[in-house]
Amino acid sequence: MAEEKTDSSGYWKANVRLITGCLIVWAFVSYGCAILFRPLLSGIPVGGTDLGFWFAQQGSILTFIALIFFYAWKMNKLDQKFGLGE
């Protein structure tokens, strides 16, 4: 029983660490690149506009979709590591 508690505790710590990392990336891209660092990124052209505007309009959405797939992939690996795979 104590072994199961250790495994579940480690599993949830790893899960929370993964979620925290994904949220940090999401916040940096959506708030940092699109709002706070937009003046710094305005000189870099991407697709006919500047990089800051691109992050605000498309980059943050594409990053969010990539984070969803990354999270699912990492959670499958985490489930297998802790013996919770499908």
PDB file of N, CA and C in Angstrom:
ATOM      1  N   MET A   1       0.819  -1.193   0.000  1.00  0.00           N
ATOM      2  CA  MET A   1       0.000   0.000   0.000  1.00  0.00           C
ATOM      3  C   MET A   1       0.865   1.259   0.000  1.00  0.00           C
ATOM      4  N   ALA A   2       1.935   1.261   0.777  1.00  0.00           N
ATOM      5  CA  ALA A   2       2.828   2.427   0.819  1.00  0.00           C
ATOM      6  C   ALA A   2       3.499   2.640  -0.530  1.00  0.00           C
ATOM      7  N   GLU A   3       3.762   1.523  -1.242  1.00  0.00           N
ATOM      8  CA  GLU A   3       4.395   1.632  -2.560  1.00  0.00           C
ATOM      9  C   GLU A   3       3.464   2.317  -3.555  1.00  0.00           C
ATOM     10  N   GLU A   4       2.158   2.001  -3.496  1.00  0.00           N
ATOM     11  CA  GLU A   4       1.191   2.645  -4.379  1.00  0.00           C
ATOM     12  C   GLU A   4       1.116   4.140  -4.109  1.00  0.00           C
ATOM     13  N   LYS A   5       1.168   4.529  -2.833  1.00  0.00           N
ATOM     14  CA  LYS A   5       1.104   5.939  -2.477  1.00  0.00           C
ATOM     15  C   LYS A   5       2.318   6.692  -3.003  1.00  0.00           C
ATOM     16  N   THR A   6       3.505   6.073  -2.916  1.00  0.00           N
ATOM     17  CA  THR A   6       4.719   6.688  -3.443  1.00  0.00           C
ATOM     18  C   THR A   6       4.612   6.850  -4.956  1.00  0.00           C
ATOM     19  N   ASP A   7       4.104   5.810  -5.634  1.00  0.00           N
ATOM     20  CA  ASP A   7       3.961   5.896  -7.091  1.00  0.00           C
ATOM     21  C   ASP A   7       2.960   6.978  -7.481  1.00  0.00           C
ATOM     22  N   SER A   8       1.834   7.032  -6.784  1.00  0.00           N
ATOM     23  CA  SER A   8       0.836   8.050  -7.137  1.00  0.00           C
ATOM     24  C   SER A   8       1.351   9.447  -6.811  1.00  0.00           C
ATOM     25  N   SER A   9       2.108   9.564  -5.739  1.00  0.00           N
ATOM     26  CA  SER A   9       2.677  10.866  -5.389  1.00  0.00           C
ATOM     27  C   SER A   9       3.687  11.319  -6.441  1.00  0.00           C
ATOM     28  N   GLY A  10       4.539  10.414  -6.879  1.00  0.00           N
ATOM     29  CA  GLY A  10       5.511  10.736  -7.926  1.00  0.00           C
ATOM     30  C   GLY A  10       4.839  11.042  -9.249  1.00  0.00           C
ATOM     31  N   TYR A  11       3.781  10.295  -9.537  1.00  0.00           N
ATOM     32  CA  TYR A  11       3.030  10.512 -10.773  1.00  0.00           C
ATOM     33  C   TYR A  11       2.425  11.918 -10.793  1.00  0.00           C
ATOM     34  N   TRP A  12       1.806  12.325  -9.693  1.00  0.00           N
ATOM     35  CA  TRP A  12       1.160  13.634  -9.662  1.00  0.00           C
ATOM     36  C   TRP A  12       2.166  14.763  -9.620  1.00  0.00           C
ATOM     37  N   LYS A  13       3.301  14.537  -8.978  1.00  0.00           N
ATOM     38  CA  LYS A  13       4.353  15.564  -9.000  1.00  0.00           C
ATOM     39  C   LYS A  13       4.856  15.766 -10.419  1.00  0.00           C
ATOM     40  N   ALA A  14       5.062  14.667 -11.147  1.00  0.00           N
ATOM     41  CA  ALA A  14       5.516  14.765 -12.539  1.00  0.00           C
ATOM     42  C   ALA A  14       4.451  15.424 -13.409  1.00  0.00           C
ATOM     43  N   ASN A  15       3.187  15.095 -13.151  1.00  0.00           N
ATOM     44  CA  ASN A  15       2.075  15.674 -13.908  1.00  0.00           C
ATOM     45  C   ASN A  15       1.990  17.181 -13.678  1.00  0.00           C
ATOM     46  N   VAL A  16       2.073  17.603 -12.425  1.00  0.00           N
ATOM     47  CA  VAL A  16       2.002  19.040 -12.105  1.00  0.00           C
ATOM     48  C   VAL A  16       3.207  19.773 -12.691  1.00  0.00           C
ATOM     49  N   ARG A  17       4.377  19.148 -12.664  1.00  0.00           N
ATOM     50  CA  ARG A  17       5.572  19.762 -13.251  1.00  0.00           C
ATOM     51  C   ARG A  17       5.386  19.947 -14.766  1.00  0.00           C
ATOM     52  N   LEU A  18       4.798  18.951 -15.424  1.00  0.00           N
ATOM     53  CA  LEU A  18       4.536  19.054 -16.865  1.00  0.00           C
ATOM     54  C   LEU A  18       3.521  20.153 -17.166  1.00  0.00           C
ATOM     55  N   ILE A  19       2.461  20.211 -16.396  1.00  0.00           N
ATOM     56  CA  ILE A  19       1.445  21.253 -16.583  1.00  0.00           C
ATOM     57  C   ILE A  19       2.045  22.636 -16.356  1.00  0.00           C
ATOM     58  N   THR A  20       2.859  22.766 -15.313  1.00  0.00           N
ATOM     59  CA  THR A  20       3.497  24.055 -15.017  1.00  0.00           C
ATOM     60  C   THR A  20       4.397  24.495 -16.163  1.00  0.00           C
ATOM     61  N   GLY A  21       5.179  23.573 -16.699  1.00  0.00           N
ATOM     62  CA  GLY A  21       6.041  23.897 -17.834  1.00  0.00           C
ATOM     63  C   GLY A  21       5.246  24.337 -19.048  1.00  0.00           C
ATOM     64  N   CYS A  22       4.154  23.633 -19.336  1.00  0.00           N
ATOM     65  CA  CYS A  22       3.307  24.008 -20.476  1.00  0.00           C
ATOM     66  C   CYS A  22       2.669  25.381 -20.264  1.00  0.00           C
ATOM     67  N   LEU A  23       2.233  25.669 -19.050  1.00  0.00           N
ATOM     68  CA  LEU A  23       1.639  26.976 -18.767  1.00  0.00           C
ATOM     69  C   LEU A  23       2.660  28.104 -18.879  1.00  0.00           C
ATOM     70  N   ILE A  24       3.893  27.833 -18.481  1.00  0.00           N
ATOM     71  CA  ILE A  24       4.943  28.851 -18.614  1.00  0.00           C
ATOM     72  C   ILE A  24       5.199  29.158 -20.087  1.00  0.00           C
ATOM     73  N   VAL A  25       5.282  28.122 -20.915  1.00  0.00           N
ATOM     74  CA  VAL A  25       5.487  28.339 -22.357  1.00  0.00           C
ATOM     75  C   VAL A  25       4.307  29.095 -22.938  1.00  0.00           C
ATOM     76  N   TRP A  26       3.085  28.690 -22.581  1.00  0.00           N
ATOM     77  CA  TRP A  26       1.892  29.355 -23.103  1.00  0.00           C
ATOM     78  C   TRP A  26       1.869  30.833 -22.697  1.00  0.00           C
ATOM     79  N   ALA A  27       2.172  31.117 -21.432  1.00  0.00           N
ATOM     80  CA  ALA A  27       2.149  32.506 -20.961  1.00  0.00           C
ATOM     81  C   ALA A  27       3.231  33.332 -21.641  1.00  0.00           C
ATOM     82  N   PHE A  28       4.413  32.759 -21.813  1.00  0.00           N
ATOM     83  CA  PHE A  28       5.491  33.494 -22.473  1.00  0.00           C
ATOM     84  C   PHE A  28       5.131  33.839 -23.907  1.00  0.00           C
ATOM     85  N   VAL A  29       4.563  32.873 -24.630  1.00  0.00           N
ATOM     86  CA  VAL A  29       4.227  33.122 -26.037  1.00  0.00           C
ATOM     87  C   VAL A  29       3.041  34.065 -26.166  1.00  0.00           C
ATOM     88  N   SER A  30       1.969  33.814 -25.404  1.00  0.00           N
ATOM     89  CA  SER A  30       0.759  34.616 -25.596  1.00  0.00           C
ATOM     90  C   SER A  30       0.868  36.005 -24.975  1.00  0.00           C
ATOM     91  N   TYR A  31       1.466  36.113 -23.811  1.00  0.00           N
ATOM     92  CA  TYR A  31       1.589  37.425 -23.168  1.00  0.00           C
ATOM     93  C   TYR A  31       2.939  38.086 -23.457  1.00  0.00           C
ATOM     94  N   GLY A  32       3.992  37.303 -23.378  1.00  0.00           N
ATOM     95  CA  GLY A  32       5.323  37.869 -23.587  1.00  0.00           C
ATOM     96  C   GLY A  32       5.566  38.307 -25.014  1.00  0.00           C
ATOM     97  N   CYS A  33       5.485  37.332 -25.939  1.00  0.00           N
ATOM     98  CA  CYS A  33       5.805  37.641 -27.337  1.00  0.00           C
ATOM     99  C   CYS A  33       4.747  38.510 -28.005  1.00  0.00           C
ATOM    100  N   ALA A  34       3.475  38.308 -27.646  1.00  0.00           N
ATOM    101  CA  ALA A  34       2.409  39.034 -28.332  1.00  0.00           C
ATOM    102  C   ALA A  34       2.130  40.407 -27.729  1.00  0.00           C
ATOM    103  N   ILE A  35       2.445  40.617 -26.458  1.00  0.00           N
ATOM    104  CA  ILE A  35       2.104  41.888 -25.813  1.00  0.00           C
ATOM    105  C   ILE A  35       3.340  42.611 -25.285  1.00  0.00           C
ATOM    106  N   LEU A  36       4.054  41.977 -24.366  1.00  0.00           N
ATOM    107  CA  LEU A  36       5.158  42.661 -23.690  1.00  0.00           C
ATOM    108  C   LEU A  36       6.368  42.908 -24.595  1.00  0.00           C
ATOM    109  N   PHE A  37       6.744  41.904 -25.378  1.00  0.00           N
ATOM    110  CA  PHE A  37       7.929  42.027 -26.223  1.00  0.00           C
ATOM    111  C   PHE A  37       7.601  42.416 -27.666  1.00  0.00           C
ATOM    112  N   ARG A  38       6.360  42.810 -27.927  1.00  0.00           N
ATOM    113  CA  ARG A  38       5.967  43.169 -29.292  1.00  0.00           C
ATOM    114  C   ARG A  38       6.820  44.288 -29.877  1.00  0.00           C
ATOM    115  N   PRO A  39       7.124  45.353 -29.135  1.00  0.00           N
ATOM    116  CA  PRO A  39       7.981  46.391 -29.724  1.00  0.00           C
ATOM    117  C   PRO A  39       9.370  45.873 -30.118  1.00  0.00           C
ATOM    118  N   LEU A  40       9.899  44.934 -29.358  1.00  0.00           N
ATOM    119  CA  LEU A  40      11.205  44.366 -29.704  1.00  0.00           C
ATOM    120  C   LEU A  40      11.133  43.473 -30.940  1.00  0.00           C
ATOM    121  N   LEU A  41       9.989  42.824 -31.140  1.00  0.00           N
ATOM    122  CA  LEU A  41       9.831  41.899 -32.263  1.00  0.00           C
ATOM    123  C   LEU A  41       9.289  42.576 -33.514  1.00  0.00           C
ATOM    124  N   SER A  42       8.990  43.867 -33.451  1.00  0.00           N
ATOM    125  CA  SER A  42       8.345  44.540 -34.578  1.00  0.00           C
ATOM    126  C   SER A  42       9.244  44.682 -35.793  1.00  0.00           C
ATOM    127  N   GLY A  43      10.540  44.599 -35.622  1.00  0.00           N
ATOM    128  CA  GLY A  43      11.443  44.755 -36.761  1.00  0.00           C
ATOM    129  C   GLY A  43      11.702  43.476 -37.537  1.00  0.00           C
ATOM    130  N   ILE A  44      11.185  42.348 -37.066  1.00  0.00           N
ATOM    131  CA  ILE A  44      11.420  41.063 -37.724  1.00  0.00           C
ATOM    132  C   ILE A  44      10.218  40.731 -38.603  1.00  0.00           C
ATOM    133  N   PRO A  45      10.402  40.736 -39.933  1.00  0.00           N
ATOM    134  CA  PRO A  45       9.268  40.465 -40.824  1.00  0.00           C
ATOM    135  C   PRO A  45       8.948  38.969 -40.918  1.00  0.00           C
ATOM    136  N   VAL A  46       7.648  38.650 -40.844  1.00  0.00           N
ATOM    137  CA  VAL A  46       7.165  37.277 -41.003  1.00  0.00           C
ATOM    138  C   VAL A  46       5.870  37.333 -41.789  1.00  0.00           C
ATOM    139  N   GLY A  47       5.845  36.739 -42.952  1.00  0.00           N
ATOM    140  CA  GLY A  47       4.616  36.645 -43.739  1.00  0.00           C
ATOM    141  C   GLY A  47       3.960  37.966 -44.065  1.00  0.00           C
ATOM    142  N   GLY A  48       4.720  39.015 -44.307  1.00  0.00           N
ATOM    143  CA  GLY A  48       4.165  40.301 -44.671  1.00  0.00           C
ATOM    144  C   GLY A  48       3.825  41.191 -43.486  1.00  0.00           C
ATOM    145  N   THR A  49       4.083  40.748 -42.295  1.00  0.00           N
ATOM    146  CA  THR A  49       3.841  41.553 -41.106  1.00  0.00           C
ATOM    147  C   THR A  49       5.005  41.355 -40.139  1.00  0.00           C
ATOM    148  N   ASP A  50       4.946  41.991 -38.978  1.00  0.00           N
ATOM    149  CA  ASP A  50       6.050  41.823 -38.038  1.00  0.00           C
ATOM    150  C   ASP A  50       5.799  40.623 -37.116  1.00  0.00           C
ATOM    151  N   LEU A  51       6.857  40.143 -36.478  1.00  0.00           N
ATOM    152  CA  LEU A  51       6.788  38.935 -35.657  1.00  0.00           C
ATOM    153  C   LEU A  51       5.882  39.101 -34.437  1.00  0.00           C
ATOM    154  N   GLY A  52       5.864  40.265 -33.818  1.00  0.00           N
ATOM    155  CA  GLY A  52       4.988  40.494 -32.669  1.00  0.00           C
ATOM    156  C   GLY A  52       3.516  40.376 -33.028  1.00  0.00           C
ATOM    157  N   PHE A  53       3.127  40.956 -34.164  1.00  0.00           N
ATOM    158  CA  PHE A  53       1.741  40.851 -34.622  1.00  0.00           C
ATOM    159  C   PHE A  53       1.413  39.414 -34.985  1.00  0.00           C
ATOM    160  N   TRP A  54       2.378  38.709 -35.610  1.00  0.00           N
ATOM    161  CA  TRP A  54       2.160  37.312 -35.987  1.00  0.00           C
ATOM    162  C   TRP A  54       1.904  36.461 -34.751  1.00  0.00           C
ATOM    163  N   PHE A  55       2.706  36.669 -33.678  1.00  0.00           N
ATOM    164  CA  PHE A  55       2.486  35.919 -32.442  1.00  0.00           C
ATOM    165  C   PHE A  55       1.112  36.224 -31.862  1.00  0.00           C
ATOM    166  N   ALA A  56       0.697  37.465 -31.912  1.00  0.00           N
ATOM    167  CA  ALA A  56      -0.603  37.840 -31.360  1.00  0.00           C
ATOM    168  C   ALA A  56      -1.748  37.211 -32.141  1.00  0.00           C
ATOM    169  N   GLN A  57      -1.611  37.118 -33.456  1.00  0.00           N
ATOM    170  CA  GLN A  57      -2.707  36.634 -34.288  1.00  0.00           C
ATOM    171  C   GLN A  57      -2.673  35.128 -34.541  1.00  0.00           C
ATOM    172  N   GLN A  58      -1.491  34.577 -34.810  1.00  0.00           N
ATOM    173  CA  GLN A  58      -1.424  33.166 -35.193  1.00  0.00           C
ATOM    174  C   GLN A  58      -0.457  32.357 -34.344  1.00  0.00           C
ATOM    175  N   GLY A  59       0.638  32.931 -33.975  1.00  0.00           N
ATOM    176  CA  GLY A  59       1.679  32.189 -33.279  1.00  0.00           C
ATOM    177  C   GLY A  59       1.245  31.628 -31.945  1.00  0.00           C
ATOM    178  N   SER A  60       0.492  32.410 -31.182  1.00  0.00           N
ATOM    179  CA  SER A  60       0.052  31.916 -29.877  1.00  0.00           C
ATOM    180  C   SER A  60      -0.961  30.778 -30.038  1.00  0.00           C
ATOM    181  N   ILE A  61      -1.797  30.838 -31.047  1.00  0.00           N
ATOM    182  CA  ILE A  61      -2.763  29.769 -31.296  1.00  0.00           C
ATOM    183  C   ILE A  61      -2.040  28.498 -31.733  1.00  0.00           C
ATOM    184  N   LEU A  62      -1.086  28.631 -32.651  1.00  0.00           N
ATOM    185  CA  LEU A  62      -0.333  27.463 -33.110  1.00  0.00           C
ATOM    186  C   LEU A  62       0.506  26.870 -31.982  1.00  0.00           C
ATOM    187  N   THR A  63       1.052  27.709 -31.146  1.00  0.00           N
ATOM    188  CA  THR A  63       1.814  27.222 -29.995  1.00  0.00           C
ATOM    189  C   THR A  63       0.902  26.480 -29.031  1.00  0.00           C
ATOM    190  N   PHE A  64      -0.291  26.993 -28.806  1.00  0.00           N
ATOM    191  CA  PHE A  64      -1.243  26.331 -27.927  1.00  0.00           C
ATOM    192  C   PHE A  64      -1.624  24.957 -28.463  1.00  0.00           C
ATOM    193  N   ILE A  65      -1.859  24.837 -29.758  1.00  0.00           N
ATOM    194  CA  ILE A  65      -2.188  23.546 -30.365  1.00  0.00           C
ATOM    195  C   ILE A  65      -1.003  22.591 -30.239  1.00  0.00           C
ATOM    196  N   ALA A  66       0.214  23.100 -30.471  1.00  0.00           N
ATOM    197  CA  ALA A  66       1.412  22.267 -30.315  1.00  0.00           C
ATOM    198  C   ALA A  66       1.557  21.802 -28.860  1.00  0.00           C
ATOM    199  N   LEU A  67       1.234  22.672 -27.901  1.00  0.00           N
ATOM    200  CA  LEU A  67       1.302  22.291 -26.491  1.00  0.00           C
ATOM    201  C   LEU A  67       0.295  21.191 -26.148  1.00  0.00           C
ATOM    202  N   ILE A  68      -0.859  21.200 -26.768  1.00  0.00           N
ATOM    203  CA  ILE A  68      -1.851  20.147 -26.532  1.00  0.00           C
ATOM    204  C   ILE A  68      -1.295  18.799 -26.966  1.00  0.00           C
ATOM    205  N   PHE A  69      -0.704  18.739 -28.165  1.00  0.00           N
ATOM    206  CA  PHE A  69      -0.135  17.486 -28.649  1.00  0.00           C
ATOM    207  C   PHE A  69       1.075  17.069 -27.822  1.00  0.00           C
ATOM    208  N   PHE A  70       1.911  18.041 -27.421  1.00  0.00           N
ATOM    209  CA  PHE A  70       3.070  17.746 -26.587  1.00  0.00           C
ATOM    210  C   PHE A  70       2.628  17.183 -25.238  1.00  0.00           C
ATOM    211  N   TYR A  71       1.623  17.789 -24.632  1.00  0.00           N
ATOM    212  CA  TYR A  71       1.118  17.325 -23.336  1.00  0.00           C
ATOM    213  C   TYR A  71       0.573  15.900 -23.451  1.00  0.00           C
ATOM    214  N   ALA A  72      -0.188  15.612 -24.494  1.00  0.00           N
ATOM    215  CA  ALA A  72      -0.740  14.270 -24.677  1.00  0.00           C
ATOM    216  C   ALA A  72       0.379  13.243 -24.863  1.00  0.00           C
ATOM    217  N   TRP A  73       1.397  13.593 -25.635  1.00  0.00           N
ATOM    218  CA  TRP A  73       2.527  12.692 -25.870  1.00  0.00           C
ATOM    219  C   TRP A  73       3.286  12.419 -24.575  1.00  0.00           C
ATOM    220  N   LYS A  74       3.582  13.490 -23.815  1.00  0.00           N
ATOM    221  CA  LYS A  74       4.318  13.332 -22.567  1.00  0.00           C
ATOM    222  C   LYS A  74       3.488  12.581 -21.516  1.00  0.00           C
ATOM    223  N   MET A  75       2.185  12.817 -21.481  1.00  0.00           N
ATOM    224  CA  MET A  75       1.346  12.108 -20.514  1.00  0.00           C
ATOM    225  C   MET A  75       1.282  10.619 -20.839  1.00  0.00           C
ATOM    226  N   ASN A  76       1.257  10.255 -22.124  1.00  0.00           N
ATOM    227  CA  ASN A  76       1.299   8.840 -22.484  1.00  0.00           C
ATOM    228  C   ASN A  76       2.596   8.204 -21.998  1.00  0.00           C
ATOM    229  N   LYS A  77       3.717   8.908 -22.171  1.00  0.00           N
ATOM    230  CA  LYS A  77       4.998   8.396 -21.678  1.00  0.00           C
ATOM    231  C   LYS A  77       4.997   8.299 -20.153  1.00  0.00           C
ATOM    232  N   LEU A  78       4.432   9.296 -19.495  1.00  0.00           N
ATOM    233  CA  LEU A  78       4.357   9.294 -18.035  1.00  0.00           C
ATOM    234  C   LEU A  78       3.462   8.155 -17.533  1.00  0.00           C
ATOM    235  N   ASP A  79       2.351   7.926 -18.214  1.00  0.00           N
ATOM    236  CA  ASP A  79       1.474   6.811 -17.844  1.00  0.00           C
ATOM    237  C   ASP A  79       2.196   5.474 -17.974  1.00  0.00           C
ATOM    238  N   GLN A  80       2.961   5.303 -19.041  1.00  0.00           N
ATOM    239  CA  GLN A  80       3.712   4.071 -19.222  1.00  0.00           C
ATOM    240  C   GLN A  80       4.788   3.919 -18.151  1.00  0.00           C
ATOM    241  N   LYS A  81       5.439   4.997 -17.800  1.00  0.00           N
ATOM    242  CA  LYS A  81       6.496   4.950 -16.795  1.00  0.00           C
ATOM    243  C   LYS A  81       5.958   4.500 -15.446  1.00  0.00           C
ATOM    244  N   PHE A  82       4.745   4.931 -15.095  1.00  0.00           N
ATOM    245  CA  PHE A  82       4.165   4.583 -13.812  1.00  0.00           C
ATOM    246  C   PHE A  82       3.190   3.406 -13.902  1.00  0.00           C
ATOM    247  N   GLY A  83       3.177   2.722 -15.035  1.00  0.00           N
ATOM    248  CA  GLY A  83       2.335   1.525 -15.177  1.00  0.00           C
ATOM    249  C   GLY A  83       0.858   1.827 -15.288  1.00  0.00           C
ATOM    250  N   LEU A  84       0.521   2.979 -15.822  1.00  0.00           N
ATOM    251  CA  LEU A  84      -0.890   3.367 -15.966  1.00  0.00           C
ATOM    252  C   LEU A  84      -1.302   3.468 -17.429  1.00  0.00           C
ATOM    253  N   GLY A  85      -0.504   2.901 -18.322  1.00  0.00           N
ATOM    254  CA  GLY A  85      -0.790   2.997 -19.759  1.00  0.00           C
ATOM    255  C   GLY A  85      -2.060   2.288 -20.134  1.00  0.00           C
ATOM    256  N   GLU A  86      -2.560   2.628 -21.301  1.00  0.00           N
ATOM    257  CA  GLU A  86      -3.820   2.035 -21.776  1.00  0.00           C
ATOM    258  C   GLU A  86      -3.605   0.647 -22.278  1.00  0.00           C
TER     259      GLU A  86
END
